[in-house]
Amino acid sequence: MTKYGCNVYFNGNVRSSFINGYRTGDPLVMSRVVIFPVGENPEAACAQVWRILNADERPNAGSERSLSMGDVIKIVCPPNEETGEISNLFFAIEKIGFREISAPEGI
C-alpha cells in the first residue's frame, strides 16, 4: 500500500454536476481539507478520497459540500525511487468512477 497526497477541487460550473462533467476550462476552487489516502494505486486513492468526502461525518461537512460529478481530485504520488521526482495525477469524477485528465490550467 502506498500513501499519497491529495487536493480536491470543486467545480464552479453549475452545469458540470450530473450534466456535462468536468470540461477543460471549468472554474475550480480548491477544498480546504487535506487528505493522505492510502491505496494500491492512484485510482484506489481517488476511491478512498471519494468515500471520505461523501460520508456524513466527512471532515469538511460544516463548511463544504460533498464531492460530485465534475469535481477534480489531484493525487500527489510519492517520489520516484530512482529520480526523486514527484508526479501529480489529476482525475475528474465521472458519473461512475474517475477519468484521468491533464493538469487543469492554474493548478
N, C-alpha and C. Protein backbone atom coordinates (compact mmCIF):
# COMPACT_ATOMS: atom_id res chain seq x y z
N MET A 1 0.85 -1.19 0.00
CA MET A 1 0.00 0.00 0.00
C MET A 1 0.89 1.25 0.00
N THR A 2 0.46 2.22 -0.74
CA THR A 2 1.21 3.46 -0.89
C THR A 2 0.41 4.62 -0.30
N LYS A 3 1.11 5.52 0.36
CA LYS A 3 0.48 6.72 0.89
C LYS A 3 0.66 7.85 -0.12
N TYR A 4 -0.44 8.51 -0.45
CA TYR A 4 -0.45 9.60 -1.42
C TYR A 4 -0.83 10.90 -0.74
N GLY A 5 -0.56 12.00 -1.41
CA GLY A 5 -1.10 13.30 -1.02
C GLY A 5 -2.31 13.57 -1.89
N CYS A 6 -3.11 14.53 -1.53
CA CYS A 6 -4.32 14.78 -2.30
C CYS A 6 -4.81 16.21 -2.10
N ASN A 7 -5.27 16.80 -3.18
CA ASN A 7 -6.03 18.05 -3.12
C ASN A 7 -7.31 17.82 -3.90
N VAL A 8 -8.37 18.44 -3.43
CA VAL A 8 -9.67 18.31 -4.08
C VAL A 8 -10.08 19.67 -4.61
N TYR A 9 -10.64 19.69 -5.81
CA TYR A 9 -11.09 20.92 -6.45
C TYR A 9 -12.56 20.79 -6.80
N PHE A 10 -13.37 21.68 -6.23
CA PHE A 10 -14.80 21.70 -6.54
C PHE A 10 -15.00 22.48 -7.84
N ASN A 11 -15.83 21.95 -8.71
CA ASN A 11 -16.10 22.59 -9.98
C ASN A 11 -17.14 23.69 -9.78
N GLY A 12 -16.80 24.90 -10.21
CA GLY A 12 -17.70 26.04 -10.06
C GLY A 12 -18.71 26.19 -11.19
N ASN A 13 -18.62 25.34 -12.20
CA ASN A 13 -19.57 25.37 -13.31
C ASN A 13 -20.79 24.55 -12.90
N VAL A 14 -21.92 25.21 -12.69
CA VAL A 14 -23.12 24.51 -12.20
C VAL A 14 -23.60 23.43 -13.17
N ARG A 15 -23.27 23.54 -14.44
CA ARG A 15 -23.68 22.51 -15.41
C ARG A 15 -22.78 21.27 -15.35
N SER A 16 -21.70 21.33 -14.56
CA SER A 16 -20.78 20.19 -14.51
C SER A 16 -21.38 19.00 -13.77
N SER A 17 -22.10 19.27 -12.70
CA SER A 17 -22.65 18.18 -11.90
C SER A 17 -23.82 17.51 -12.60
N PHE A 18 -23.67 16.24 -12.88
CA PHE A 18 -24.72 15.39 -13.42
C PHE A 18 -25.15 15.75 -14.84
N ILE A 19 -24.52 16.73 -15.49
CA ILE A 19 -24.89 17.06 -16.86
C ILE A 19 -23.69 16.85 -17.79
N ASN A 20 -22.66 17.67 -17.62
CA ASN A 20 -21.52 17.62 -18.53
C ASN A 20 -20.28 16.97 -17.93
N GLY A 21 -20.15 16.94 -16.62
CA GLY A 21 -18.90 16.51 -16.01
C GLY A 21 -17.86 17.60 -16.19
N TYR A 22 -16.62 17.30 -15.80
CA TYR A 22 -15.55 18.29 -15.93
C TYR A 22 -15.21 18.51 -17.39
N ARG A 23 -15.03 19.77 -17.74
CA ARG A 23 -14.56 20.16 -19.07
C ARG A 23 -13.40 21.12 -18.91
N THR A 24 -12.41 21.01 -19.79
CA THR A 24 -11.26 21.90 -19.74
C THR A 24 -11.73 23.34 -19.67
N GLY A 25 -11.15 24.08 -18.74
CA GLY A 25 -11.51 25.48 -18.57
C GLY A 25 -12.55 25.75 -17.50
N ASP A 26 -13.19 24.70 -16.98
CA ASP A 26 -14.16 24.91 -15.90
C ASP A 26 -13.45 25.56 -14.71
N PRO A 27 -14.12 26.48 -14.01
CA PRO A 27 -13.51 27.11 -12.84
C PRO A 27 -13.46 26.13 -11.67
N LEU A 28 -12.29 25.97 -11.08
CA LEU A 28 -12.11 25.04 -9.97
C LEU A 28 -11.70 25.81 -8.72
N VAL A 29 -12.27 25.41 -7.59
CA VAL A 29 -11.97 26.01 -6.29
C VAL A 29 -11.43 24.91 -5.39
N MET A 30 -10.22 25.13 -4.85
CA MET A 30 -9.60 24.10 -4.02
C MET A 30 -10.28 24.00 -2.65
N SER A 31 -10.53 22.77 -2.24
CA SER A 31 -11.08 22.49 -0.93
C SER A 31 -10.05 22.84 0.14
N ARG A 32 -10.53 23.14 1.34
CA ARG A 32 -9.64 23.43 2.46
C ARG A 32 -9.18 22.16 3.17
N VAL A 33 -9.79 21.04 2.86
CA VAL A 33 -9.44 19.80 3.54
C VAL A 33 -8.25 19.14 2.82
N VAL A 34 -7.36 18.55 3.60
CA VAL A 34 -6.21 17.82 3.06
C VAL A 34 -6.33 16.37 3.51
N ILE A 35 -6.17 15.47 2.56
CA ILE A 35 -6.30 14.04 2.85
C ILE A 35 -5.06 13.32 2.35
N PHE A 36 -4.61 12.33 3.09
CA PHE A 36 -3.49 11.49 2.68
C PHE A 36 -3.99 10.07 2.51
N PRO A 37 -4.59 9.78 1.34
CA PRO A 37 -5.15 8.44 1.13
C PRO A 37 -4.07 7.38 0.97
N VAL A 38 -4.44 6.15 1.26
CA VAL A 38 -3.55 5.01 1.11
C VAL A 38 -4.23 4.04 0.15
N GLY A 39 -3.47 3.54 -0.83
CA GLY A 39 -4.06 2.61 -1.78
C GLY A 39 -3.03 1.86 -2.58
N GLU A 40 -3.49 0.88 -3.32
CA GLU A 40 -2.63 0.07 -4.20
C GLU A 40 -2.12 0.90 -5.38
N ASN A 41 -2.90 1.92 -5.79
CA ASN A 41 -2.56 2.74 -6.94
C ASN A 41 -3.31 4.07 -6.82
N PRO A 42 -3.00 5.04 -7.69
CA PRO A 42 -3.68 6.33 -7.60
C PRO A 42 -5.20 6.26 -7.73
N GLU A 43 -5.71 5.35 -8.56
CA GLU A 43 -7.15 5.21 -8.70
C GLU A 43 -7.80 4.75 -7.39
N ALA A 44 -7.15 3.83 -6.70
CA ALA A 44 -7.65 3.37 -5.40
C ALA A 44 -7.61 4.52 -4.38
N ALA A 45 -6.60 5.37 -4.48
CA ALA A 45 -6.52 6.53 -3.60
C ALA A 45 -7.69 7.48 -3.88
N CYS A 46 -8.04 7.67 -5.16
CA CYS A 46 -9.21 8.50 -5.52
C CYS A 46 -10.48 7.94 -4.90
N ALA A 47 -10.64 6.63 -4.98
CA ALA A 47 -11.83 6.00 -4.42
C ALA A 47 -11.92 6.23 -2.92
N GLN A 48 -10.77 6.19 -2.24
CA GLN A 48 -10.77 6.44 -0.80
C GLN A 48 -11.15 7.90 -0.51
N VAL A 49 -10.64 8.83 -1.28
CA VAL A 49 -10.99 10.24 -1.10
C VAL A 49 -12.50 10.42 -1.31
N TRP A 50 -13.03 9.79 -2.35
CA TRP A 50 -14.47 9.85 -2.63
C TRP A 50 -15.28 9.38 -1.41
N ARG A 51 -14.89 8.23 -0.85
CA ARG A 51 -15.62 7.69 0.31
C ARG A 51 -15.54 8.64 1.50
N ILE A 52 -14.36 9.18 1.77
CA ILE A 52 -14.18 10.07 2.92
C ILE A 52 -15.01 11.35 2.76
N LEU A 53 -14.97 11.94 1.57
CA LEU A 53 -15.62 13.24 1.38
C LEU A 53 -17.08 13.15 0.98
N ASN A 54 -17.63 11.94 0.98
CA ASN A 54 -19.06 11.78 0.77
C ASN A 54 -19.75 11.15 1.97
N ALA A 55 -18.99 10.90 3.02
CA ALA A 55 -19.56 10.35 4.25
C ALA A 55 -20.27 11.46 5.03
N ASP A 56 -21.29 11.10 5.79
CA ASP A 56 -21.99 12.08 6.62
C ASP A 56 -21.04 12.77 7.59
N GLU A 57 -20.05 12.04 8.09
CA GLU A 57 -19.12 12.58 9.08
C GLU A 57 -17.81 13.05 8.43
N ARG A 58 -17.88 13.50 7.16
CA ARG A 58 -16.67 13.95 6.45
C ARG A 58 -16.05 15.14 7.17
N PRO A 59 -14.73 15.31 7.04
CA PRO A 59 -14.03 16.35 7.81
C PRO A 59 -14.44 17.78 7.44
N ASN A 60 -15.00 17.99 6.28
CA ASN A 60 -15.39 19.34 5.85
C ASN A 60 -16.91 19.52 5.79
N ALA A 61 -17.65 18.69 6.48
CA ALA A 61 -19.11 18.71 6.39
C ALA A 61 -19.73 20.04 6.78
N GLY A 62 -19.13 20.75 7.70
CA GLY A 62 -19.70 22.01 8.15
C GLY A 62 -19.40 23.19 7.26
N SER A 63 -18.47 23.01 6.31
CA SER A 63 -18.04 24.16 5.52
C SER A 63 -18.08 23.96 4.00
N GLU A 64 -18.13 22.71 3.54
CA GLU A 64 -18.09 22.45 2.11
C GLU A 64 -19.04 21.32 1.75
N ARG A 65 -19.42 21.28 0.48
CA ARG A 65 -20.31 20.22 0.01
C ARG A 65 -19.52 18.92 -0.21
N SER A 66 -20.25 17.86 -0.42
CA SER A 66 -19.61 16.58 -0.74
C SER A 66 -19.15 16.60 -2.20
N LEU A 67 -18.38 15.59 -2.59
CA LEU A 67 -17.89 15.50 -3.97
C LEU A 67 -19.01 15.08 -4.91
N SER A 68 -18.91 15.54 -6.14
CA SER A 68 -19.89 15.13 -7.14
C SER A 68 -19.23 15.12 -8.51
N MET A 69 -19.99 14.63 -9.48
CA MET A 69 -19.51 14.57 -10.85
C MET A 69 -19.05 15.96 -11.29
N GLY A 70 -17.89 16.00 -11.95
CA GLY A 70 -17.34 17.26 -12.42
C GLY A 70 -16.24 17.82 -11.55
N ASP A 71 -16.17 17.38 -10.29
CA ASP A 71 -15.09 17.81 -9.41
C ASP A 71 -13.80 17.10 -9.82
N VAL A 72 -12.68 17.62 -9.35
CA VAL A 72 -11.37 17.08 -9.73
C VAL A 72 -10.57 16.72 -8.48
N ILE A 73 -9.91 15.58 -8.54
CA ILE A 73 -9.02 15.13 -7.46
C ILE A 73 -7.59 15.11 -8.00
N LYS A 74 -6.70 15.79 -7.28
CA LYS A 74 -5.27 15.76 -7.61
C LYS A 74 -4.61 14.78 -6.66
N ILE A 75 -3.96 13.77 -7.22
CA ILE A 75 -3.22 12.80 -6.41
C ILE A 75 -1.73 13.10 -6.55
N VAL A 76 -1.08 13.33 -5.42
CA VAL A 76 0.35 13.58 -5.39
C VAL A 76 1.04 12.26 -5.07
N CYS A 77 1.77 11.76 -6.06
CA CYS A 77 2.44 10.46 -5.91
C CYS A 77 3.75 10.63 -5.15
N PRO A 78 4.18 9.61 -4.41
CA PRO A 78 5.45 9.70 -3.70
C PRO A 78 6.61 9.84 -4.68
N PRO A 79 7.76 10.33 -4.20
CA PRO A 79 8.91 10.49 -5.08
C PRO A 79 9.33 9.18 -5.74
N ASN A 80 9.72 9.27 -7.01
CA ASN A 80 10.26 8.13 -7.74
C ASN A 80 11.57 7.71 -7.07
N GLU A 81 11.73 6.43 -6.80
CA GLU A 81 12.92 5.96 -6.09
C GLU A 81 14.22 6.24 -6.84
N GLU A 82 14.18 6.23 -8.16
CA GLU A 82 15.39 6.44 -8.95
C GLU A 82 15.69 7.91 -9.19
N THR A 83 14.66 8.69 -9.52
CA THR A 83 14.89 10.08 -9.90
C THR A 83 14.55 11.08 -8.80
N GLY A 84 13.77 10.67 -7.84
CA GLY A 84 13.33 11.58 -6.78
C GLY A 84 12.21 12.51 -7.21
N GLU A 85 11.75 12.37 -8.46
CA GLU A 85 10.69 13.24 -8.97
C GLU A 85 9.34 12.88 -8.35
N ILE A 86 8.57 13.92 -8.09
CA ILE A 86 7.20 13.75 -7.60
C ILE A 86 6.26 14.02 -8.77
N SER A 87 5.30 13.15 -8.97
CA SER A 87 4.35 13.37 -10.05
C SER A 87 2.96 13.61 -9.48
N ASN A 88 2.22 14.42 -10.19
CA ASN A 88 0.83 14.71 -9.84
C ASN A 88 -0.07 14.15 -10.93
N LEU A 89 -1.10 13.45 -10.52
CA LEU A 89 -2.09 12.94 -11.45
C LEU A 89 -3.42 13.59 -11.12
N PHE A 90 -4.20 13.89 -12.15
CA PHE A 90 -5.48 14.55 -11.97
C PHE A 90 -6.59 13.64 -12.48
N PHE A 91 -7.67 13.55 -11.70
CA PHE A 91 -8.80 12.70 -12.06
C PHE A 91 -10.09 13.51 -11.93
N ALA A 92 -10.88 13.49 -12.99
CA ALA A 92 -12.22 14.09 -12.94
C ALA A 92 -13.19 13.03 -12.46
N ILE A 93 -14.10 13.43 -11.59
CA ILE A 93 -15.11 12.50 -11.11
C ILE A 93 -16.17 12.38 -12.19
N GLU A 94 -16.43 11.16 -12.59
CA GLU A 94 -17.41 10.87 -13.64
C GLU A 94 -18.71 10.36 -13.00
N LYS A 95 -19.69 10.10 -13.83
CA LYS A 95 -20.95 9.53 -13.33
C LYS A 95 -20.67 8.23 -12.59
N ILE A 96 -19.77 7.43 -13.14
CA ILE A 96 -19.29 6.22 -12.49
C ILE A 96 -17.77 6.21 -12.59
N GLY A 97 -17.10 6.31 -11.47
CA GLY A 97 -15.64 6.23 -11.44
C GLY A 97 -14.95 7.55 -11.73
N PHE A 98 -13.72 7.44 -12.23
CA PHE A 98 -12.85 8.57 -12.44
C PHE A 98 -12.23 8.51 -13.83
N ARG A 99 -11.90 9.68 -14.36
CA ARG A 99 -11.24 9.77 -15.67
C ARG A 99 -9.98 10.60 -15.48
N GLU A 100 -8.83 10.03 -15.87
CA GLU A 100 -7.59 10.79 -15.76
C GLU A 100 -7.60 11.92 -16.78
N ILE A 101 -7.19 13.11 -16.33
CA ILE A 101 -7.19 14.29 -17.18
C ILE A 101 -5.82 14.97 -17.10
N SER A 102 -5.56 15.88 -18.01
CA SER A 102 -4.36 16.71 -17.95
C SER A 102 -4.53 17.70 -16.80
N ALA A 103 -3.41 18.22 -16.32
CA ALA A 103 -3.47 19.20 -15.23
C ALA A 103 -4.29 20.41 -15.68
N PRO A 104 -5.33 20.77 -14.92
CA PRO A 104 -6.12 21.95 -15.27
C PRO A 104 -5.25 23.22 -15.21
N GLU A 105 -5.58 24.19 -16.03
CA GLU A 105 -4.83 25.46 -16.03
C GLU A 105 -4.86 26.09 -14.64
N GLY A 106 -3.73 26.63 -14.24
CA GLY A 106 -3.66 27.35 -12.99
C GLY A 106 -3.46 26.48 -11.76
N ILE A 107 -3.36 25.17 -11.95
CA ILE A 107 -3.16 24.29 -10.78
C ILE A 107 -1.77 23.68 -10.86
